[in-house]
Amino acid sequence: MVGPFPPEPWRLRGDMFVALWRVPRPDVPGGGLPTGVRPLRLGGSCLMVTFWVDYRPGGTLAYRELLVALAVRDRRGPAACAVGAWVDDERSLAGGRALWGIPKELGSFAFGPVPLPSSRSGRAAVRTRMVVERGGRGLDPVVTGLHRDLLSLPGRLPVRGRLLQPHPVHGRCDVPLRLSGRVRLGRARVQAEPGGPLSFLDGRRAVLAASIRGFRMTVGEEGDSPVL
């Protein structure tokens, strides 16, 4: 252990719900990007990604998280920059901030299935409802996410990505992400209270959504945090 949190890399496992959103540029939340990083734009919109994650026992840490990222690019290509994150574990909060500059805050989570009317095949359809509350103090829900699986893809899909984060000490961190899991395409939407940190997503439907079940993920590199 390094201080109150594990050193990188973190090897995590669980279930994840990912959604891509097209957000008009004036509605995109503020926040500085690292030097040499700029948003990916589509016409007059930016692309945002939400990650609702249930990290299960058996990995470096077990906790729940909502991470919101802006799609960006640098000289190496596309990446993402986390502009907001909520977790229900203080070690994840401390480690995410210190190692990689991820702006994590504490939250309280509830994940659960929501039954739907039977599908045409006669099988019951189920969607997942995810709620995060501000600061873990039992206040009114800040964000509710709804995800419905529609189409399962064969096998386990490997995915690689990067977070590019401003860091108060290092200036900039390039955080590698490596993941594999069973992917199901679906639909997602978000309900957020007015004036809350994710009110810009309220009522929107995702451009693309997927669940990644039984994933295995590695965050970070061996040794010191990568700094550019």
C-alpha atoms as a PDB file:
ATOM      1  CA  MET A   1       0.000   0.000   0.000  1.00  0.00           C
ATOM      2  CA  VAL A   2       1.066   3.602  -0.650  1.00  0.00           C
ATOM      3  CA  GLY A   3      -0.608   5.849   1.940  1.00  0.00           C
ATOM      4  CA  PRO A   4      -4.391   5.209   2.144  1.00  0.00           C
ATOM      5  CA  PHE A   5      -4.687   3.728  -1.364  1.00  0.00           C
ATOM      6  CA  PRO A   6      -3.110   0.952  -3.457  1.00  0.00           C
ATOM      7  CA  PRO A   7      -0.313   1.813  -5.910  1.00  0.00           C
ATOM      8  CA  GLU A   8      -0.952   1.552  -9.637  1.00  0.00           C
ATOM      9  CA  PRO A   9      -1.795  -0.392 -11.614  1.00  0.00           C
ATOM     10  CA  TRP A  10      -5.264  -1.180 -10.303  1.00  0.00           C
ATOM     11  CA  ARG A  11      -6.678  -4.465 -11.550  1.00  0.00           C
ATOM     12  CA  LEU A  12     -10.450  -4.302 -11.327  1.00  0.00           C
ATOM     13  CA  ARG A  13     -13.432  -6.468 -12.232  1.00  0.00           C
ATOM     14  CA  GLY A  14     -17.194  -6.155 -12.357  1.00  0.00           C
ATOM     15  CA  ASP A  15     -19.997  -4.782 -14.551  1.00  0.00           C
ATOM     16  CA  MET A  16     -19.997  -1.482 -16.442  1.00  0.00           C
ATOM     17  CA  PHE A  17     -22.606   0.611 -18.273  1.00  0.00           C
ATOM     18  CA  VAL A  18     -21.164   3.007 -20.861  1.00  0.00           C
ATOM     19  CA  ALA A  19     -22.995   5.659 -22.885  1.00  0.00           C
ATOM     20  CA  LEU A  20     -21.942   8.239 -25.470  1.00  0.00           C
ATOM     21  CA  TRP A  21     -23.742  11.598 -25.524  1.00  0.00           C
ATOM     22  CA  ARG A  22     -23.794  14.479 -27.991  1.00  0.00           C
ATOM     23  CA  VAL A  23     -23.920  17.726 -25.998  1.00  0.00           C
ATOM     24  CA  PRO A  24     -24.100  21.269 -27.433  1.00  0.00           C
ATOM     25  CA  ARG A  25     -20.878  23.147 -26.761  1.00  0.00           C
ATOM     26  CA  PRO A  26     -22.492  25.825 -24.547  1.00  0.00           C
ATOM     27  CA  ASP A  27     -23.854  23.059 -22.239  1.00  0.00           C
ATOM     28  CA  VAL A  28     -20.548  21.215 -21.762  1.00  0.00           C
ATOM     29  CA  PRO A  29     -19.282  21.628 -18.174  1.00  0.00           C
ATOM     30  CA  GLY A  30     -16.214  23.807 -17.715  1.00  0.00           C
ATOM     31  CA  GLY A  31     -12.825  22.663 -16.518  1.00  0.00           C
ATOM     32  CA  GLY A  32      -9.307  22.971 -17.781  1.00  0.00           C
ATOM     33  CA  LEU A  33      -7.808  20.442 -20.156  1.00  0.00           C
ATOM     34  CA  PRO A  34      -4.139  19.423 -20.060  1.00  0.00           C
ATOM     35  CA  THR A  35      -1.715  21.235 -22.347  1.00  0.00           C
ATOM     36  CA  GLY A  36      -1.892  19.961 -25.934  1.00  0.00           C
ATOM     37  CA  VAL A  37      -5.358  18.412 -25.468  1.00  0.00           C
ATOM     38  CA  ARG A  38      -8.512  19.651 -27.206  1.00  0.00           C
ATOM     39  CA  PRO A  39     -12.127  18.444 -27.319  1.00  0.00           C
ATOM     40  CA  LEU A  40     -13.420  16.221 -30.095  1.00  0.00           C
ATOM     41  CA  ARG A  41     -16.226  18.113 -31.819  1.00  0.00           C
ATOM     42  CA  LEU A  42     -19.066  17.052 -34.068  1.00  0.00           C
ATOM     43  CA  GLY A  43     -20.519  20.140 -35.668  1.00  0.00           C
ATOM     44  CA  GLY A  44     -21.554  22.430 -32.831  1.00  0.00           C
ATOM     45  CA  SER A  45     -21.474  19.634 -30.258  1.00  0.00           C
ATOM     46  CA  CYS A  46     -18.954  17.870 -28.062  1.00  0.00           C
ATOM     47  CA  LEU A  47     -18.997  14.170 -27.170  1.00  0.00           C
ATOM     48  CA  MET A  48     -19.346  13.099 -23.545  1.00  0.00           C
ATOM     49  CA  VAL A  49     -19.091   9.578 -22.113  1.00  0.00           C
ATOM     50  CA  THR A  50     -20.627   8.273 -18.887  1.00  0.00           C
ATOM     51  CA  PHE A  51     -19.383   5.192 -17.060  1.00  0.00           C
ATOM     52  CA  TRP A  52     -21.558   3.636 -14.342  1.00  0.00           C
ATOM     53  CA  VAL A  53     -19.418   0.901 -12.808  1.00  0.00           C
ATOM     54  CA  ASP A  54     -19.937  -1.766 -10.153  1.00  0.00           C
ATOM     55  CA  TYR A  55     -16.416  -2.922  -9.231  1.00  0.00           C
ATOM     56  CA  ARG A  56     -16.762  -6.328  -7.564  1.00  0.00           C
ATOM     57  CA  PRO A  57     -14.639  -8.116  -4.916  1.00  0.00           C
ATOM     58  CA  GLY A  58     -11.613  -9.934  -6.314  1.00  0.00           C
ATOM     59  CA  GLY A  59      -9.918  -6.852  -7.787  1.00  0.00           C
ATOM     60  CA  THR A  60      -7.635  -4.259  -6.248  1.00  0.00           C
ATOM     61  CA  LEU A  61     -10.666  -2.452  -4.782  1.00  0.00           C
ATOM     62  CA  ALA A  62     -14.430  -3.061  -4.673  1.00  0.00           C
ATOM     63  CA  TYR A  63     -16.621   0.027  -5.014  1.00  0.00           C
ATOM     64  CA  ARG A  64     -19.125   1.800  -7.259  1.00  0.00           C
ATOM     65  CA  GLU A  65     -18.486   4.764  -9.525  1.00  0.00           C
ATOM     66  CA  LEU A  66     -20.053   7.232 -11.910  1.00  0.00           C
ATOM     67  CA  LEU A  67     -17.403   8.834 -14.113  1.00  0.00           C
ATOM     68  CA  VAL A  68     -18.192  11.513 -16.704  1.00  0.00           C
ATOM     69  CA  ALA A  69     -15.606  12.212 -19.396  1.00  0.00           C
ATOM     70  CA  LEU A  70     -15.168  14.566 -22.317  1.00  0.00           C
ATOM     71  CA  ALA A  71     -13.949  12.976 -25.556  1.00  0.00           C
ATOM     72  CA  VAL A  72     -10.648  14.654 -26.479  1.00  0.00           C
ATOM     73  CA  ARG A  73      -7.607  14.207 -28.677  1.00  0.00           C
ATOM     74  CA  ASP A  74      -3.903  14.971 -28.561  1.00  0.00           C
ATOM     75  CA  ARG A  75      -1.027  14.298 -30.962  1.00  0.00           C
ATOM     76  CA  ARG A  76      -1.377  10.543 -30.330  1.00  0.00           C
ATOM     77  CA  GLY A  77      -5.067  10.405 -31.162  1.00  0.00           C
ATOM     78  CA  PRO A  78      -8.433  10.115 -29.374  1.00  0.00           C
ATOM     79  CA  ALA A  79      -8.703   9.823 -25.600  1.00  0.00           C
ATOM     80  CA  ALA A  80     -10.942  11.043 -22.772  1.00  0.00           C
ATOM     81  CA  CYS A  81     -10.638  13.519 -19.914  1.00  0.00           C
ATOM     82  CA  ALA A  82     -12.646  12.862 -16.745  1.00  0.00           C
ATOM     83  CA  VAL A  83     -14.502  16.037 -15.773  1.00  0.00           C
ATOM     84  CA  GLY A  84     -16.462  14.540 -12.875  1.00  0.00           C
ATOM     85  CA  ALA A  85     -16.515  11.331 -10.860  1.00  0.00           C
ATOM     86  CA  TRP A  86     -18.315   9.982  -7.802  1.00  0.00           C
ATOM     87  CA  VAL A  87     -17.302   6.887  -5.806  1.00  0.00           C
ATOM     88  CA  ASP A  88     -18.436   5.244  -2.579  1.00  0.00           C
ATOM     89  CA  ASP A  89     -14.937   4.319  -1.364  1.00  0.00           C
ATOM     90  CA  GLU A  90     -12.460   6.751   0.221  1.00  0.00           C
ATOM     91  CA  ARG A  91      -9.412   4.791  -0.978  1.00  0.00           C
ATOM     92  CA  SER A  92     -10.611   5.045  -4.574  1.00  0.00           C
ATOM     93  CA  LEU A  93     -11.238   8.760  -4.096  1.00  0.00           C
ATOM     94  CA  ALA A  94      -7.770   9.405  -2.655  1.00  0.00           C
ATOM     95  CA  GLY A  95      -5.978   7.190  -5.172  1.00  0.00           C
ATOM     96  CA  GLY A  96      -7.809   8.559  -8.197  1.00  0.00           C
ATOM     97  CA  ARG A  97      -6.908  12.118  -7.251  1.00  0.00           C
ATOM     98  CA  ALA A  98      -3.311  11.523  -6.184  1.00  0.00           C
ATOM     99  CA  LEU A  99      -2.220   9.036  -8.846  1.00  0.00           C
ATOM    100  CA  TRP A 100      -4.028  10.335 -11.925  1.00  0.00           C
ATOM    101  CA  GLY A 101      -5.716  13.665 -11.190  1.00  0.00           C
ATOM    102  CA  ILE A 102      -9.243  12.254 -11.553  1.00  0.00           C
ATOM    103  CA  PRO A 103     -11.607  14.685  -9.747  1.00  0.00           C
ATOM    104  CA  LYS A 104     -13.391  12.092  -7.615  1.00  0.00           C
ATOM    105  CA  GLU A 105     -15.958  12.943  -4.951  1.00  0.00           C
ATOM    106  CA  LEU A 106     -17.879  10.754  -2.509  1.00  0.00           C
ATOM    107  CA  GLY A 107     -21.319   9.492  -3.474  1.00  0.00           C
ATOM    108  CA  SER A 108     -23.894   6.919  -2.430  1.00  0.00           C
ATOM    109  CA  PHE A 109     -25.062   4.411  -5.043  1.00  0.00           C
ATOM    110  CA  ALA A 110     -27.988   2.102  -5.713  1.00  0.00           C
ATOM    111  CA  PHE A 111     -27.920  -0.348  -8.640  1.00  0.00           C
ATOM    112  CA  GLY A 112     -30.876  -2.575  -9.432  1.00  0.00           C
ATOM    113  CA  PRO A 113     -33.038  -4.172 -12.136  1.00  0.00           C
ATOM    114  CA  VAL A 114     -36.311  -2.623 -13.316  1.00  0.00           C
ATOM    115  CA  PRO A 115     -38.767  -5.137 -14.856  1.00  0.00           C
ATOM    116  CA  LEU A 116     -40.312  -4.241 -18.220  1.00  0.00           C
ATOM    117  CA  PRO A 117     -43.293  -5.756 -20.051  1.00  0.00           C
ATOM    118  CA  SER A 118     -42.526  -9.126 -21.617  1.00  0.00           C
ATOM    119  CA  SER A 119     -40.748  -9.029 -24.954  1.00  0.00           C
ATOM    120  CA  ARG A 120     -42.216 -10.525 -28.118  1.00  0.00           C
ATOM    121  CA  SER A 121     -40.255 -13.718 -27.573  1.00  0.00           C
ATOM    122  CA  GLY A 122     -42.040 -14.187 -24.262  1.00  0.00           C
ATOM    123  CA  ARG A 123     -38.950 -13.573 -22.158  1.00  0.00           C
ATOM    124  CA  ALA A 124     -39.089 -10.876 -19.496  1.00  0.00           C
ATOM    125  CA  ALA A 125     -37.146  -7.756 -20.430  1.00  0.00           C
ATOM    126  CA  VAL A 126     -35.093  -6.041 -17.734  1.00  0.00           C
ATOM    127  CA  ARG A 127     -33.306  -2.726 -17.594  1.00  0.00           C
ATOM    128  CA  THR A 128     -30.867  -1.498 -14.972  1.00  0.00           C
ATOM    129  CA  ARG A 129     -31.540   1.581 -12.840  1.00  0.00           C
ATOM    130  CA  MET A 130     -28.527   3.323 -11.273  1.00  0.00           C
ATOM    131  CA  VAL A 131     -28.801   6.180  -8.777  1.00  0.00           C
ATOM    132  CA  VAL A 132     -26.028   8.287  -7.233  1.00  0.00           C
ATOM    133  CA  GLU A 133     -26.626  10.720  -4.359  1.00  0.00           C
ATOM    134  CA  ARG A 134     -24.462  13.717  -3.517  1.00  0.00           C
ATOM    135  CA  GLY A 135     -21.788  13.152  -0.877  1.00  0.00           C
ATOM    136  CA  GLY A 136     -23.216   9.863   0.350  1.00  0.00           C
ATOM    137  CA  ARG A 137     -25.386  11.690   2.899  1.00  0.00           C
ATOM    138  CA  GLY A 138     -28.778  10.487   1.744  1.00  0.00           C
ATOM    139  CA  LEU A 139     -29.844  13.657  -0.056  1.00  0.00           C
ATOM    140  CA  ASP A 140     -32.189  13.704  -3.037  1.00  0.00           C
ATOM    141  CA  PRO A 141     -30.800  11.792  -6.020  1.00  0.00           C
ATOM    142  CA  VAL A 142     -28.486  13.856  -8.193  1.00  0.00           C
ATOM    143  CA  VAL A 143     -28.458  11.472 -11.152  1.00  0.00           C
ATOM    144  CA  THR A 144     -30.486   8.439 -12.196  1.00  0.00           C
ATOM    145  CA  GLY A 145     -29.309   6.326 -15.131  1.00  0.00           C
ATOM    146  CA  LEU A 146     -31.454   3.820 -16.993  1.00  0.00           C
ATOM    147  CA  HIS A 147     -29.907   1.200 -19.263  1.00  0.00           C
ATOM    148  CA  ARG A 148     -31.589  -1.546 -21.280  1.00  0.00           C
ATOM    149  CA  ASP A 149     -29.649  -4.333 -23.013  1.00  0.00           C
ATOM    150  CA  LEU A 150     -30.790  -5.117 -26.564  1.00  0.00           C
ATOM    151  CA  LEU A 151     -28.142  -7.111 -28.449  1.00  0.00           C
ATOM    152  CA  SER A 152     -25.349  -9.355 -27.151  1.00  0.00           C
ATOM    153  CA  LEU A 153     -22.076  -9.466 -29.071  1.00  0.00           C
ATOM    154  CA  PRO A 154     -20.170 -12.778 -29.222  1.00  0.00           C
ATOM    155  CA  GLY A 155     -17.075 -13.463 -27.134  1.00  0.00           C
ATOM    156  CA  ARG A 156     -15.130 -11.072 -24.924  1.00  0.00           C
ATOM    157  CA  LEU A 157     -14.277  -7.769 -26.564  1.00  0.00           C
ATOM    158  CA  PRO A 158     -10.826  -6.289 -25.761  1.00  0.00           C
ATOM    159  CA  VAL A 159     -10.694  -2.492 -25.436  1.00  0.00           C
ATOM    160  CA  ARG A 160      -7.803  -0.082 -24.937  1.00  0.00           C
ATOM    161  CA  GLY A 161      -8.081   3.588 -24.113  1.00  0.00           C
ATOM    162  CA  ARG A 162      -6.491   6.541 -22.317  1.00  0.00           C
ATOM    163  CA  LEU A 163      -7.452   9.204 -19.833  1.00  0.00           C
ATOM    164  CA  LEU A 164      -5.611  12.516 -20.217  1.00  0.00           C
ATOM    165  CA  GLN A 165      -5.841  14.350 -16.909  1.00  0.00           C
ATOM    166  CA  PRO A 166      -4.513  17.658 -15.559  1.00  0.00           C
ATOM    167  CA  HIS A 167      -2.542  16.923 -12.377  1.00  0.00           C
ATOM    168  CA  PRO A 168      -1.792  19.482  -9.644  1.00  0.00           C
ATOM    169  CA  VAL A 169       1.759  18.147  -9.159  1.00  0.00           C
ATOM    170  CA  HIS A 170       2.806  16.562 -12.460  1.00  0.00           C
ATOM    171  CA  GLY A 171       0.943  18.883 -14.827  1.00  0.00           C
ATOM    172  CA  ARG A 172      -0.473  16.114 -17.003  1.00  0.00           C
ATOM    173  CA  CYS A 173      -1.074  12.363 -16.636  1.00  0.00           C
ATOM    174  CA  ASP A 174      -1.585   9.907 -19.481  1.00  0.00           C
ATOM    175  CA  VAL A 175      -3.475   6.999 -17.887  1.00  0.00           C
ATOM    176  CA  PRO A 176      -3.659   3.764 -19.910  1.00  0.00           C
ATOM    177  CA  LEU A 177      -6.804   1.631 -19.665  1.00  0.00           C
ATOM    178  CA  ARG A 178      -7.005  -2.006 -20.767  1.00  0.00           C
ATOM    179  CA  LEU A 179     -10.284  -3.904 -20.545  1.00  0.00           C
ATOM    180  CA  SER A 180     -12.066  -7.008 -21.805  1.00  0.00           C
ATOM    181  CA  GLY A 181     -15.603  -8.212 -21.190  1.00  0.00           C
ATOM    182  CA  ARG A 182     -18.894  -9.443 -22.618  1.00  0.00           C
ATOM    183  CA  VAL A 183     -20.549  -6.565 -24.496  1.00  0.00           C
ATOM    184  CA  ARG A 184     -24.267  -5.982 -24.963  1.00  0.00           C
ATOM    185  CA  LEU A 185     -25.473  -3.025 -27.011  1.00  0.00           C
ATOM    186  CA  GLY A 186     -28.435  -1.168 -25.587  1.00  0.00           C
ATOM    187  CA  ARG A 187     -30.192   2.098 -24.870  1.00  0.00           C
ATOM    188  CA  ALA A 188     -29.567   4.595 -22.076  1.00  0.00           C
ATOM    189  CA  ARG A 189     -30.950   7.833 -20.717  1.00  0.00           C
ATOM    190  CA  VAL A 190     -30.266  10.049 -17.718  1.00  0.00           C
ATOM    191  CA  GLN A 191     -32.449  11.952 -15.268  1.00  0.00           C
ATOM    192  CA  ALA A 192     -30.670  14.670 -13.252  1.00  0.00           C
ATOM    193  CA  GLU A 193     -31.946  17.243 -10.798  1.00  0.00           C
ATOM    194  CA  PRO A 194     -31.972  20.891 -11.973  1.00  0.00           C
ATOM    195  CA  GLY A 195     -28.804  22.749 -11.084  1.00  0.00           C
ATOM    196  CA  GLY A 196     -26.933  19.536 -10.329  1.00  0.00           C
ATOM    197  CA  PRO A 197     -23.526  18.687 -11.781  1.00  0.00           C
ATOM    198  CA  LEU A 198     -25.035  16.560 -14.571  1.00  0.00           C
ATOM    199  CA  SER A 199     -28.150  18.586 -15.326  1.00  0.00           C
ATOM    200  CA  PHE A 200     -26.804  19.045 -18.889  1.00  0.00           C
ATOM    201  CA  LEU A 201     -27.647  15.360 -19.538  1.00  0.00           C
ATOM    202  CA  ASP A 202     -31.153  15.458 -18.099  1.00  0.00           C
ATOM    203  CA  GLY A 203     -33.703  13.885 -20.430  1.00  0.00           C
ATOM    204  CA  ARG A 204     -31.199  13.107 -23.169  1.00  0.00           C
ATOM    205  CA  ARG A 205     -30.959   9.747 -24.886  1.00  0.00           C
ATOM    206  CA  ALA A 206     -27.520   8.346 -25.559  1.00  0.00           C
ATOM    207  CA  VAL A 207     -26.166   8.213 -29.101  1.00  0.00           C
ATOM    208  CA  LEU A 208     -24.637   4.828 -28.274  1.00  0.00           C
ATOM    209  CA  ALA A 209     -24.867   2.656 -25.160  1.00  0.00           C
ATOM    210  CA  ALA A 210     -23.477  -0.692 -24.044  1.00  0.00           C
ATOM    211  CA  SER A 211     -23.042  -2.805 -20.947  1.00  0.00           C
ATOM    212  CA  ILE A 212     -19.789  -4.684 -20.371  1.00  0.00           C
ATOM    213  CA  ARG A 213     -20.431  -7.658 -18.103  1.00  0.00           C
ATOM    214  CA  GLY A 214     -17.830  -9.593 -16.183  1.00  0.00           C
ATOM    215  CA  PHE A 215     -15.081  -7.212 -17.283  1.00  0.00           C
ATOM    216  CA  ARG A 216     -11.428  -7.341 -16.266  1.00  0.00           C
ATOM    217  CA  MET A 217      -9.658  -3.968 -16.376  1.00  0.00           C
ATOM    218  CA  THR A 218      -6.197  -2.600 -15.661  1.00  0.00           C
ATOM    219  CA  VAL A 219      -5.823   1.107 -14.870  1.00  0.00           C
ATOM    220  CA  GLY A 220      -2.389   2.741 -14.930  1.00  0.00           C
ATOM    221  CA  GLU A 221       1.128   1.404 -15.411  1.00  0.00           C
ATOM    222  CA  GLU A 222       3.745  -0.302 -13.292  1.00  0.00           C
ATOM    223  CA  GLY A 223       5.957   2.149 -11.413  1.00  0.00           C
ATOM    224  CA  ASP A 224       5.323   5.882 -11.115  1.00  0.00           C
ATOM    225  CA  SER A 225       2.307   7.575 -12.692  1.00  0.00           C
ATOM    226  CA  PRO A 226       2.960   8.380 -16.368  1.00  0.00           C
ATOM    227  CA  VAL A 227       3.676  12.085 -16.759  1.00  0.00           C
ATOM    228  CA  LEU A 228       4.119  14.017 -19.992  1.00  0.00           C
END
